[in-house]
Amino acid sequence: EWLAKQRGAVGALWHIWRAEDAPKLRSFLTRIWNEMSAPDDNCSVSADTDDGGSQHVVGAHNGGEHTNPSGCPPLNYQPAVRVPLHDAIHDQTFYVNRRLRHRLRDEEGIAPWTFVQRQGEAVFIPAGCPHQVLNLRSCIKVAQDFVSPESIPRVLALTEEYRALPSTHSRSEDKLGAKAILAHAASHALSELGVVLV
């Protein structure tokens, strides 16, 4: 109902979870993955989205990016060869639809911040916050990663999570170079202090 009232120039629907809730989200998604892979799976996980938009999912079966016209990955689909789940968040296999968000709230006590993005608006995602976006119209995404001084502890924690992934995983590489950023910032700070102290 809420989303229907938001139509018009709305381009995307966002869900962002607090960084502190990532372990609970990861645990929940792992349980969903296990439910989906159970023999004689009569899983009640629905493939509905919130609005019939289209969303991009990194497919678990071959690592390629796919657009599912229904707006949700086929959660009840069982591939002939089951690819292991390395990390329920970093694998980007799930779209947490309305039914799953309700389950997540009921079972884990967490809920995302939910908002719409309109043409010309920017979205800043705090470091370490799991997020998903559902395109409601044809969209072009422009992303720029950055590291703020306040986010260094979370960025370093994410770097360690990425290191734990298999080397073939698309997220295993530290693309931000957080440790190098920190080293350069410390070097610059010490240099400035040296000038002041002399």
N, C-alpha and C. Protein backbone atom coordinates (compact mmCIF):
# COMPACT_ATOMS: atom_id res chain seq x y z
N GLU A 1 0.83 -1.19 0.00
CA GLU A 1 0.00 0.00 0.00
C GLU A 1 0.87 1.25 0.00
N TRP A 2 1.86 1.25 0.90
CA TRP A 2 2.74 2.40 1.01
C TRP A 2 3.45 2.66 -0.31
N LEU A 3 3.97 1.57 -0.94
CA LEU A 3 4.73 1.73 -2.18
C LEU A 3 3.82 2.22 -3.30
N ALA A 4 2.58 1.74 -3.34
CA ALA A 4 1.65 2.17 -4.38
C ALA A 4 1.44 3.68 -4.33
N LYS A 5 1.46 4.25 -3.15
CA LYS A 5 1.29 5.69 -2.98
C LYS A 5 2.55 6.46 -3.40
N GLN A 6 3.67 5.76 -3.52
CA GLN A 6 4.94 6.40 -3.82
C GLN A 6 5.25 6.44 -5.32
N ARG A 7 4.36 5.95 -6.15
CA ARG A 7 4.63 5.89 -7.60
C ARG A 7 4.97 7.27 -8.16
N GLY A 8 4.92 7.40 -9.43
CA GLY A 8 5.29 8.67 -10.03
C GLY A 8 6.72 8.59 -10.50
N ALA A 9 7.56 9.47 -10.01
CA ALA A 9 8.94 9.53 -10.45
C ALA A 9 9.85 8.58 -9.68
N VAL A 10 9.27 7.64 -8.93
CA VAL A 10 10.08 6.71 -8.14
C VAL A 10 10.84 5.78 -9.08
N GLY A 11 12.15 5.68 -8.87
CA GLY A 11 12.97 4.81 -9.71
C GLY A 11 13.38 3.52 -9.05
N ALA A 12 13.53 3.52 -7.71
CA ALA A 12 14.04 2.33 -7.03
C ALA A 12 13.54 2.28 -5.60
N LEU A 13 13.42 1.07 -5.10
CA LEU A 13 13.05 0.82 -3.72
C LEU A 13 14.27 0.24 -3.01
N TRP A 14 14.67 0.84 -1.91
CA TRP A 14 15.85 0.43 -1.16
C TRP A 14 15.47 -0.18 0.18
N HIS A 15 16.24 -1.18 0.59
CA HIS A 15 16.18 -1.73 1.95
C HIS A 15 17.63 -1.76 2.44
N ILE A 16 17.88 -1.10 3.56
CA ILE A 16 19.22 -1.07 4.14
C ILE A 16 19.11 -1.50 5.59
N TRP A 17 19.91 -2.52 5.95
CA TRP A 17 19.93 -3.00 7.33
C TRP A 17 21.10 -2.37 8.07
N ARG A 18 20.95 -2.20 9.36
CA ARG A 18 22.04 -1.66 10.18
C ARG A 18 23.23 -2.62 10.13
N ALA A 19 24.43 -2.08 10.17
CA ALA A 19 25.63 -2.92 10.17
C ALA A 19 25.62 -3.87 11.36
N GLU A 20 25.10 -3.42 12.49
CA GLU A 20 25.04 -4.27 13.69
C GLU A 20 24.11 -5.46 13.50
N ASP A 21 23.19 -5.38 12.53
CA ASP A 21 22.24 -6.46 12.29
C ASP A 21 22.74 -7.46 11.25
N ALA A 22 23.91 -7.22 10.67
CA ALA A 22 24.42 -8.11 9.62
C ALA A 22 24.56 -9.56 10.09
N PRO A 23 25.07 -9.84 11.29
CA PRO A 23 25.17 -11.25 11.71
C PRO A 23 23.80 -11.94 11.78
N LYS A 24 22.78 -11.25 12.27
CA LYS A 24 21.44 -11.84 12.33
C LYS A 24 20.88 -12.05 10.92
N LEU A 25 21.10 -11.08 10.03
CA LEU A 25 20.65 -11.22 8.65
C LEU A 25 21.35 -12.40 7.98
N ARG A 26 22.66 -12.50 8.18
CA ARG A 26 23.44 -13.60 7.59
C ARG A 26 22.93 -14.95 8.09
N SER A 27 22.69 -15.06 9.38
CA SER A 27 22.17 -16.30 9.96
C SER A 27 20.81 -16.66 9.38
N PHE A 28 19.93 -15.67 9.27
CA PHE A 28 18.60 -15.89 8.72
C PHE A 28 18.68 -16.36 7.27
N LEU A 29 19.47 -15.68 6.45
CA LEU A 29 19.58 -16.06 5.04
C LEU A 29 20.19 -17.44 4.87
N THR A 30 21.11 -17.80 5.74
CA THR A 30 21.69 -19.15 5.70
C THR A 30 20.61 -20.18 6.01
N ARG A 31 19.74 -19.89 6.98
CA ARG A 31 18.62 -20.80 7.27
C ARG A 31 17.70 -20.93 6.06
N ILE A 32 17.42 -19.82 5.39
CA ILE A 32 16.57 -19.86 4.19
C ILE A 32 17.23 -20.73 3.12
N TRP A 33 18.52 -20.56 2.94
CA TRP A 33 19.27 -21.37 1.96
C TRP A 33 19.14 -22.85 2.29
N ASN A 34 19.28 -23.19 3.56
CA ASN A 34 19.17 -24.59 3.98
C ASN A 34 17.75 -25.11 3.80
N GLU A 35 16.74 -24.28 4.04
CA GLU A 35 15.36 -24.68 3.80
C GLU A 35 15.14 -24.98 2.32
N MET A 36 15.73 -24.15 1.47
CA MET A 36 15.56 -24.33 0.03
C MET A 36 16.23 -25.60 -0.45
N SER A 37 17.28 -26.03 0.21
CA SER A 37 18.03 -27.20 -0.26
C SER A 37 17.60 -28.49 0.43
N ALA A 38 16.58 -28.41 1.29
CA ALA A 38 16.11 -29.61 1.98
C ALA A 38 15.44 -30.55 0.98
N PRO A 39 15.60 -31.91 1.16
CA PRO A 39 14.92 -32.86 0.28
C PRO A 39 13.41 -32.67 0.37
N ASP A 40 12.71 -32.94 -0.73
CA ASP A 40 11.25 -32.76 -0.79
C ASP A 40 10.87 -31.37 -0.30
N ASP A 41 11.56 -30.43 -0.82
CA ASP A 41 11.38 -29.06 -0.36
C ASP A 41 9.99 -28.56 -0.70
N ASN A 42 9.21 -28.32 0.31
CA ASN A 42 7.91 -27.66 0.16
C ASN A 42 8.02 -26.28 0.78
N CYS A 43 9.12 -25.67 0.53
CA CYS A 43 9.44 -24.39 1.15
C CYS A 43 8.35 -23.37 0.86
N SER A 44 7.97 -22.66 1.88
CA SER A 44 6.91 -21.66 1.72
C SER A 44 7.48 -20.30 1.33
N VAL A 45 8.76 -20.28 0.99
CA VAL A 45 9.38 -19.01 0.61
C VAL A 45 8.79 -18.57 -0.72
N SER A 46 8.21 -17.39 -0.72
CA SER A 46 7.54 -16.88 -1.90
C SER A 46 8.50 -16.10 -2.77
N ALA A 47 8.23 -16.08 -4.06
CA ALA A 47 9.06 -15.32 -4.98
C ALA A 47 8.45 -13.96 -5.30
N ASP A 48 7.58 -13.45 -4.41
CA ASP A 48 6.99 -12.15 -4.70
C ASP A 48 7.97 -11.04 -4.34
N THR A 49 7.88 -9.95 -5.11
CA THR A 49 8.58 -8.74 -4.69
C THR A 49 7.52 -7.87 -4.06
N ASP A 50 7.79 -6.64 -3.92
CA ASP A 50 6.83 -5.75 -3.30
C ASP A 50 5.95 -5.06 -4.33
N ASP A 51 6.35 -5.12 -5.59
CA ASP A 51 5.70 -4.23 -6.54
C ASP A 51 5.81 -4.66 -7.98
N GLY A 52 6.41 -5.80 -8.27
CA GLY A 52 6.55 -6.22 -9.66
C GLY A 52 7.67 -5.51 -10.40
N GLY A 53 8.58 -4.87 -9.69
CA GLY A 53 9.72 -4.25 -10.34
C GLY A 53 10.72 -5.30 -10.77
N SER A 54 11.84 -4.88 -11.31
CA SER A 54 12.88 -5.85 -11.64
C SER A 54 14.09 -5.56 -10.79
N GLN A 55 14.75 -6.62 -10.35
CA GLN A 55 15.93 -6.43 -9.52
C GLN A 55 17.04 -7.32 -10.04
N HIS A 56 18.25 -6.90 -9.79
CA HIS A 56 19.41 -7.65 -10.26
C HIS A 56 19.93 -8.53 -9.15
N VAL A 57 20.21 -9.77 -9.52
CA VAL A 57 20.67 -10.75 -8.55
C VAL A 57 21.92 -11.39 -9.13
N VAL A 58 22.94 -11.55 -8.31
CA VAL A 58 24.10 -12.31 -8.75
C VAL A 58 23.73 -13.76 -8.57
N GLY A 59 23.59 -14.49 -9.68
CA GLY A 59 23.12 -15.87 -9.63
C GLY A 59 24.07 -16.79 -8.91
N ALA A 60 23.52 -17.63 -8.05
CA ALA A 60 24.35 -18.57 -7.30
C ALA A 60 24.83 -19.70 -8.18
N HIS A 61 24.14 -19.95 -9.28
CA HIS A 61 24.50 -21.12 -10.06
C HIS A 61 25.72 -20.92 -10.93
N ASN A 62 25.98 -19.71 -11.41
CA ASN A 62 27.18 -19.54 -12.23
C ASN A 62 27.90 -18.23 -12.00
N GLY A 63 27.43 -17.45 -11.04
CA GLY A 63 28.13 -16.21 -10.71
C GLY A 63 27.85 -15.07 -11.65
N GLY A 64 27.02 -15.28 -12.69
CA GLY A 64 26.71 -14.21 -13.61
C GLY A 64 25.57 -13.36 -13.09
N GLU A 65 25.45 -12.17 -13.65
CA GLU A 65 24.37 -11.29 -13.20
C GLU A 65 23.15 -11.55 -14.07
N HIS A 66 22.00 -11.62 -13.44
CA HIS A 66 20.76 -11.92 -14.13
C HIS A 66 19.69 -10.94 -13.72
N THR A 67 18.75 -10.68 -14.61
CA THR A 67 17.56 -9.93 -14.25
C THR A 67 16.39 -10.88 -14.35
N ASN A 68 15.65 -11.01 -13.28
CA ASN A 68 14.48 -11.86 -13.26
C ASN A 68 13.27 -10.98 -13.49
N PRO A 69 12.50 -11.20 -14.58
CA PRO A 69 11.39 -10.31 -14.88
C PRO A 69 10.37 -10.22 -13.75
N SER A 70 10.20 -11.29 -12.98
CA SER A 70 9.23 -11.23 -11.89
C SER A 70 9.75 -10.39 -10.74
N GLY A 71 11.03 -10.04 -10.79
CA GLY A 71 11.59 -9.19 -9.76
C GLY A 71 12.19 -9.94 -8.59
N CYS A 72 12.27 -11.24 -8.65
CA CYS A 72 12.79 -12.00 -7.52
C CYS A 72 13.45 -13.26 -8.02
N PRO A 73 14.54 -13.69 -7.41
CA PRO A 73 15.17 -14.94 -7.84
C PRO A 73 14.22 -16.10 -7.58
N PRO A 74 14.31 -17.14 -8.39
CA PRO A 74 13.44 -18.29 -8.20
C PRO A 74 13.88 -19.08 -6.97
N LEU A 75 13.41 -18.66 -5.81
CA LEU A 75 13.88 -19.24 -4.56
C LEU A 75 13.54 -20.72 -4.42
N ASN A 76 12.52 -21.18 -5.12
CA ASN A 76 12.18 -22.60 -5.03
C ASN A 76 12.81 -23.41 -6.15
N TYR A 77 13.64 -22.78 -6.96
CA TYR A 77 14.33 -23.46 -8.04
C TYR A 77 15.52 -24.24 -7.49
N GLN A 78 15.64 -25.49 -7.88
CA GLN A 78 16.75 -26.33 -7.43
C GLN A 78 17.63 -26.65 -8.62
N PRO A 79 18.80 -26.05 -8.74
CA PRO A 79 19.68 -26.36 -9.86
C PRO A 79 20.18 -27.80 -9.78
N ALA A 80 20.52 -28.36 -10.94
CA ALA A 80 21.00 -29.74 -10.99
C ALA A 80 22.27 -29.90 -10.16
N VAL A 81 23.15 -28.91 -10.22
CA VAL A 81 24.37 -28.93 -9.42
C VAL A 81 24.27 -27.80 -8.41
N ARG A 82 24.34 -28.15 -7.16
CA ARG A 82 24.17 -27.16 -6.10
C ARG A 82 25.51 -26.47 -5.82
N VAL A 83 25.55 -25.17 -5.98
CA VAL A 83 26.75 -24.39 -5.70
C VAL A 83 26.73 -24.03 -4.22
N PRO A 84 27.85 -24.16 -3.54
CA PRO A 84 27.85 -23.86 -2.10
C PRO A 84 27.61 -22.38 -1.83
N LEU A 85 27.03 -22.12 -0.69
CA LEU A 85 26.84 -20.76 -0.23
C LEU A 85 28.06 -20.41 0.62
N HIS A 86 28.84 -19.44 0.16
CA HIS A 86 30.04 -19.04 0.90
C HIS A 86 29.70 -18.04 1.99
N ASP A 87 28.90 -17.06 1.64
CA ASP A 87 28.49 -16.04 2.60
C ASP A 87 27.12 -15.54 2.16
N ALA A 88 26.15 -15.64 3.05
CA ALA A 88 24.77 -15.34 2.69
C ALA A 88 24.55 -13.88 2.29
N ILE A 89 25.43 -12.99 2.71
CA ILE A 89 25.32 -11.59 2.32
C ILE A 89 26.21 -11.29 1.12
N HIS A 90 27.47 -11.63 1.20
CA HIS A 90 28.43 -11.25 0.16
C HIS A 90 28.22 -12.01 -1.15
N ASP A 91 27.57 -13.17 -1.11
CA ASP A 91 27.29 -13.90 -2.35
C ASP A 91 26.24 -13.18 -3.19
N GLN A 92 25.46 -12.31 -2.59
CA GLN A 92 24.41 -11.55 -3.27
C GLN A 92 23.45 -12.46 -4.03
N THR A 93 23.03 -13.52 -3.37
CA THR A 93 22.15 -14.51 -3.97
C THR A 93 20.68 -14.22 -3.70
N PHE A 94 20.38 -13.52 -2.64
CA PHE A 94 19.01 -13.35 -2.18
C PHE A 94 18.46 -11.95 -2.45
N TYR A 95 17.18 -11.90 -2.76
CA TYR A 95 16.41 -10.68 -2.62
C TYR A 95 15.45 -10.94 -1.47
N VAL A 96 15.54 -10.16 -0.42
CA VAL A 96 14.71 -10.37 0.76
C VAL A 96 13.36 -9.69 0.49
N ASN A 97 12.41 -10.50 0.00
CA ASN A 97 11.11 -9.97 -0.37
C ASN A 97 10.25 -9.69 0.86
N ARG A 98 9.03 -9.26 0.62
CA ARG A 98 8.14 -8.86 1.72
C ARG A 98 7.95 -10.00 2.72
N ARG A 99 7.65 -11.19 2.23
CA ARG A 99 7.42 -12.31 3.14
C ARG A 99 8.68 -12.62 3.96
N LEU A 100 9.84 -12.59 3.32
CA LEU A 100 11.08 -12.85 4.05
C LEU A 100 11.38 -11.73 5.05
N ARG A 101 11.07 -10.48 4.69
CA ARG A 101 11.29 -9.38 5.64
C ARG A 101 10.40 -9.54 6.87
N HIS A 102 9.16 -10.00 6.66
CA HIS A 102 8.28 -10.25 7.81
C HIS A 102 8.84 -11.37 8.68
N ARG A 103 9.30 -12.45 8.05
CA ARG A 103 9.92 -13.55 8.81
C ARG A 103 11.15 -13.07 9.56
N LEU A 104 11.96 -12.27 8.89
CA LEU A 104 13.18 -11.75 9.50
C LEU A 104 12.84 -10.91 10.73
N ARG A 105 11.82 -10.09 10.63
CA ARG A 105 11.40 -9.28 11.77
C ARG A 105 10.88 -10.18 12.90
N ASP A 106 10.06 -11.18 12.54
CA ASP A 106 9.47 -12.05 13.56
C ASP A 106 10.51 -12.97 14.22
N GLU A 107 11.43 -13.51 13.41
CA GLU A 107 12.39 -14.50 13.92
C GLU A 107 13.65 -13.88 14.51
N GLU A 108 14.11 -12.78 13.94
CA GLU A 108 15.37 -12.18 14.38
C GLU A 108 15.20 -10.81 15.04
N GLY A 109 14.02 -10.23 14.89
CA GLY A 109 13.77 -8.93 15.51
C GLY A 109 14.44 -7.76 14.82
N ILE A 110 14.74 -7.91 13.53
CA ILE A 110 15.38 -6.81 12.80
C ILE A 110 14.56 -6.45 11.56
N ALA A 111 14.65 -5.20 11.17
CA ALA A 111 13.95 -4.71 9.98
C ALA A 111 14.83 -3.67 9.31
N PRO A 112 14.73 -3.56 7.99
CA PRO A 112 15.56 -2.58 7.28
C PRO A 112 14.94 -1.19 7.30
N TRP A 113 15.77 -0.21 7.00
CA TRP A 113 15.25 1.10 6.64
C TRP A 113 14.75 0.94 5.21
N THR A 114 13.56 1.38 4.93
CA THR A 114 12.97 1.23 3.60
C THR A 114 12.62 2.62 3.07
N PHE A 115 13.04 2.90 1.84
CA PHE A 115 12.73 4.19 1.24
C PHE A 115 12.81 4.09 -0.27
N VAL A 116 12.24 5.07 -0.94
CA VAL A 116 12.29 5.10 -2.39
C VAL A 116 13.32 6.14 -2.84
N GLN A 117 13.86 5.90 -4.01
CA GLN A 117 14.81 6.83 -4.61
C GLN A 117 14.19 7.36 -5.90
N ARG A 118 14.21 8.65 -6.05
CA ARG A 118 13.65 9.29 -7.25
C ARG A 118 14.78 9.76 -8.16
N GLN A 119 14.41 10.07 -9.38
CA GLN A 119 15.39 10.55 -10.35
C GLN A 119 16.17 11.72 -9.79
N GLY A 120 17.49 11.66 -9.94
CA GLY A 120 18.36 12.73 -9.49
C GLY A 120 18.78 12.65 -8.04
N GLU A 121 18.25 11.70 -7.29
CA GLU A 121 18.62 11.56 -5.88
C GLU A 121 19.79 10.60 -5.72
N ALA A 122 20.60 10.84 -4.72
CA ALA A 122 21.73 9.96 -4.40
C ALA A 122 21.43 9.22 -3.11
N VAL A 123 22.00 8.04 -2.98
CA VAL A 123 21.84 7.23 -1.77
C VAL A 123 23.23 6.97 -1.20
N PHE A 124 23.44 7.32 0.05
CA PHE A 124 24.69 7.01 0.74
C PHE A 124 24.42 5.83 1.66
N ILE A 125 25.21 4.79 1.52
CA ILE A 125 25.05 3.58 2.32
C ILE A 125 26.18 3.54 3.34
N PRO A 126 25.85 3.57 4.62
CA PRO A 126 26.90 3.52 5.65
C PRO A 126 27.73 2.23 5.53
N ALA A 127 28.99 2.32 5.86
CA ALA A 127 29.90 1.17 5.76
C ALA A 127 29.36 -0.01 6.55
N GLY A 128 29.43 -1.18 5.94
CA GLY A 128 29.04 -2.42 6.61
C GLY A 128 27.56 -2.70 6.63
N CYS A 129 26.75 -1.83 6.05
CA CYS A 129 25.30 -2.03 6.06
C CYS A 129 24.86 -2.88 4.87
N PRO A 130 24.34 -4.09 5.12
CA PRO A 130 23.79 -4.88 4.01
C PRO A 130 22.63 -4.11 3.38
N HIS A 131 22.49 -4.22 2.08
CA HIS A 131 21.45 -3.47 1.39
C HIS A 131 21.02 -4.19 0.12
N GLN A 132 19.85 -3.82 -0.35
CA GLN A 132 19.36 -4.32 -1.63
C GLN A 132 18.56 -3.20 -2.27
N VAL A 133 18.50 -3.25 -3.61
CA VAL A 133 17.74 -2.24 -4.34
C VAL A 133 16.89 -2.95 -5.38
N LEU A 134 15.66 -2.50 -5.52
CA LEU A 134 14.72 -3.03 -6.50
C LEU A 134 14.40 -1.91 -7.47
N ASN A 135 14.79 -2.09 -8.74
CA ASN A 135 14.51 -1.07 -9.75
C ASN A 135 13.03 -1.13 -10.12
N LEU A 136 12.36 0.00 -10.03
CA LEU A 136 10.94 0.08 -10.38
C LEU A 136 10.75 0.60 -11.80
N ARG A 137 11.78 1.18 -12.34
CA ARG A 137 11.81 1.68 -13.71
C ARG A 137 13.18 1.35 -14.28
N SER A 138 13.34 1.58 -15.57
CA SER A 138 14.66 1.41 -16.16
C SER A 138 15.61 2.38 -15.49
N CYS A 139 16.71 1.87 -15.00
CA CYS A 139 17.64 2.70 -14.22
C CYS A 139 19.07 2.47 -14.67
N ILE A 140 19.87 3.47 -14.46
CA ILE A 140 21.32 3.34 -14.60
C ILE A 140 21.90 3.64 -13.23
N LYS A 141 22.72 2.73 -12.75
CA LYS A 141 23.32 2.90 -11.43
C LYS A 141 24.75 3.41 -11.58
N VAL A 142 25.04 4.47 -10.88
CA VAL A 142 26.40 5.00 -10.82
C VAL A 142 26.82 4.90 -9.36
N ALA A 143 27.89 4.17 -9.09
CA ALA A 143 28.32 3.97 -7.70
C ALA A 143 29.75 4.45 -7.51
N GLN A 144 30.00 5.02 -6.35
CA GLN A 144 31.34 5.45 -5.98
C GLN A 144 31.59 5.03 -4.55
N ASP A 145 32.55 4.15 -4.34
CA ASP A 145 32.90 3.75 -2.99
C ASP A 145 33.80 4.81 -2.36
N PHE A 146 33.64 5.00 -1.08
CA PHE A 146 34.50 5.94 -0.36
C PHE A 146 34.63 5.46 1.07
N VAL A 147 35.66 5.95 1.74
CA VAL A 147 35.90 5.58 3.13
C VAL A 147 35.99 6.86 3.94
N SER A 148 35.11 6.99 4.91
CA SER A 148 35.18 8.14 5.82
C SER A 148 35.98 7.73 7.04
N PRO A 149 36.62 8.67 7.71
CA PRO A 149 37.41 8.31 8.90
C PRO A 149 36.58 7.57 9.95
N GLU A 150 35.30 7.95 10.09
CA GLU A 150 34.45 7.32 11.09
C GLU A 150 34.14 5.86 10.77
N SER A 151 34.26 5.49 9.50
CA SER A 151 33.88 4.13 9.10
C SER A 151 35.06 3.15 9.05
N ILE A 152 36.26 3.61 9.35
CA ILE A 152 37.44 2.74 9.24
C ILE A 152 37.28 1.41 9.97
N PRO A 153 36.82 1.38 11.22
CA PRO A 153 36.69 0.06 11.89
C PRO A 153 35.77 -0.91 11.13
N ARG A 154 34.66 -0.40 10.61
CA ARG A 154 33.74 -1.28 9.86
C ARG A 154 34.34 -1.70 8.53
N VAL A 155 35.03 -0.78 7.87
CA VAL A 155 35.64 -1.11 6.58
C VAL A 155 36.73 -2.17 6.78
N LEU A 156 37.51 -2.06 7.85
CA LEU A 156 38.53 -3.07 8.13
C LEU A 156 37.88 -4.42 8.45
N ALA A 157 36.75 -4.40 9.17
CA ALA A 157 36.04 -5.65 9.46
C ALA A 157 35.52 -6.28 8.17
N LEU A 158 35.01 -5.45 7.25
CA LEU A 158 34.56 -5.97 5.95
C LEU A 158 35.73 -6.57 5.17
N THR A 159 36.88 -5.92 5.23
CA THR A 159 38.07 -6.44 4.55
C THR A 159 38.39 -7.84 5.05
N GLU A 160 38.29 -8.05 6.35
CA GLU A 160 38.54 -9.38 6.92
C GLU A 160 37.48 -10.38 6.47
N GLU A 161 36.22 -9.95 6.37
CA GLU A 161 35.17 -10.85 5.87
C GLU A 161 35.48 -11.25 4.43
N TYR A 162 35.90 -10.30 3.61
CA TYR A 162 36.23 -10.60 2.22
C TYR A 162 37.41 -11.56 2.12
N ARG A 163 38.40 -11.39 3.01
CA ARG A 163 39.57 -12.28 3.00
C ARG A 163 39.18 -13.72 3.28
N ALA A 164 38.11 -13.93 4.06
CA ALA A 164 37.67 -15.28 4.41
C ALA A 164 36.97 -15.98 3.25
N LEU A 165 36.61 -15.24 2.21
CA LEU A 165 35.94 -15.85 1.06
C LEU A 165 36.95 -16.58 0.19
N PRO A 166 36.49 -17.57 -0.59
CA PRO A 166 37.42 -18.25 -1.51
C PRO A 166 38.05 -17.26 -2.48
N SER A 167 39.25 -17.54 -2.92
CA SER A 167 39.96 -16.61 -3.81
C SER A 167 39.24 -16.41 -5.13
N THR A 168 38.38 -17.34 -5.52
CA THR A 168 37.63 -17.21 -6.78
C THR A 168 36.35 -16.39 -6.62
N HIS A 169 36.03 -16.01 -5.40
CA HIS A 169 34.81 -15.25 -5.14
C HIS A 169 34.98 -13.82 -5.65
N SER A 170 33.92 -13.26 -6.22
CA SER A 170 34.01 -11.92 -6.79
C SER A 170 34.30 -10.84 -5.75
N ARG A 171 34.04 -11.11 -4.49
CA ARG A 171 34.26 -10.13 -3.43
C ARG A 171 35.55 -10.37 -2.64
N SER A 172 36.33 -11.36 -3.00
CA SER A 172 37.50 -11.70 -2.18
C SER A 172 38.61 -10.64 -2.27
N GLU A 173 38.57 -9.84 -3.30
CA GLU A 173 39.60 -8.81 -3.49
C GLU A 173 39.24 -7.54 -2.72
N ASP A 174 40.19 -6.96 -2.06
CA ASP A 174 39.98 -5.71 -1.33
C ASP A 174 40.05 -4.56 -2.32
N LYS A 175 38.92 -4.15 -2.84
CA LYS A 175 38.89 -3.12 -3.88
C LYS A 175 39.05 -1.71 -3.31
N LEU A 176 38.71 -1.52 -2.05
CA LEU A 176 38.86 -0.20 -1.45
C LEU A 176 40.28 0.07 -0.99
N GLY A 177 41.02 -0.96 -0.66
CA GLY A 177 42.37 -0.76 -0.14
C GLY A 177 42.36 -0.04 1.19
N ALA A 178 41.48 -0.49 2.08
CA ALA A 178 41.29 0.20 3.36
C ALA A 178 42.58 0.28 4.17
N LYS A 179 43.36 -0.78 4.18
CA LYS A 179 44.60 -0.75 4.97
C LYS A 179 45.60 0.26 4.38
N ALA A 180 45.64 0.36 3.06
CA ALA A 180 46.53 1.34 2.43
C ALA A 180 46.04 2.76 2.72
N ILE A 181 44.73 2.96 2.69
CA ILE A 181 44.17 4.28 3.02
C ILE A 181 44.56 4.67 4.44
N LEU A 182 44.41 3.72 5.36
CA LEU A 182 44.73 3.97 6.76
C LEU A 182 46.22 4.27 6.93
N ALA A 183 47.07 3.53 6.24
CA ALA A 183 48.52 3.75 6.34
C ALA A 183 48.90 5.13 5.81
N HIS A 184 48.32 5.52 4.67
CA HIS A 184 48.61 6.84 4.10
C HIS A 184 48.10 7.96 5.00
N ALA A 185 46.91 7.77 5.59
CA ALA A 185 46.36 8.78 6.49
C ALA A 185 47.24 8.93 7.73
N ALA A 186 47.69 7.80 8.29
CA ALA A 186 48.56 7.86 9.47
C ALA A 186 49.89 8.52 9.12
N SER A 187 50.44 8.18 7.95
CA SER A 187 51.70 8.78 7.52
C SER A 187 51.55 10.30 7.37
N HIS A 188 50.44 10.71 6.76
CA HIS A 188 50.20 12.14 6.57
C HIS A 188 50.02 12.84 7.93
N ALA A 189 49.28 12.21 8.83
CA ALA A 189 49.06 12.80 10.16
C ALA A 189 50.38 12.95 10.91
N LEU A 190 51.22 11.92 10.86
CA LEU A 190 52.52 11.99 11.54
C LEU A 190 53.41 13.06 10.92
N SER A 191 53.34 13.17 9.60
CA SER A 191 54.11 14.20 8.91
C SER A 191 53.67 15.60 9.37
N GLU A 192 52.36 15.79 9.46
CA GLU A 192 51.84 17.08 9.92
C GLU A 192 52.23 17.35 11.37
N LEU A 193 52.17 16.33 12.21
CA LEU A 193 52.57 16.50 13.61
C LEU A 193 54.05 16.83 13.71
N GLY A 194 54.85 16.22 12.86
CA GLY A 194 56.29 16.50 12.85
C GLY A 194 56.57 17.95 12.53
N VAL A 195 55.82 18.53 11.63
CA VAL A 195 55.99 19.93 11.27
C VAL A 195 55.59 20.82 12.44
N VAL A 196 54.53 20.47 13.13
CA VAL A 196 54.05 21.27 14.26
C VAL A 196 55.01 21.17 15.43
N LEU A 197 55.57 19.98 15.68
CA LEU A 197 56.43 19.76 16.83
C LEU A 197 57.82 20.36 16.66
N VAL A 198 58.27 20.61 15.46
CA VAL A 198 59.62 21.11 15.24
C VAL A 198 59.73 22.58 15.44
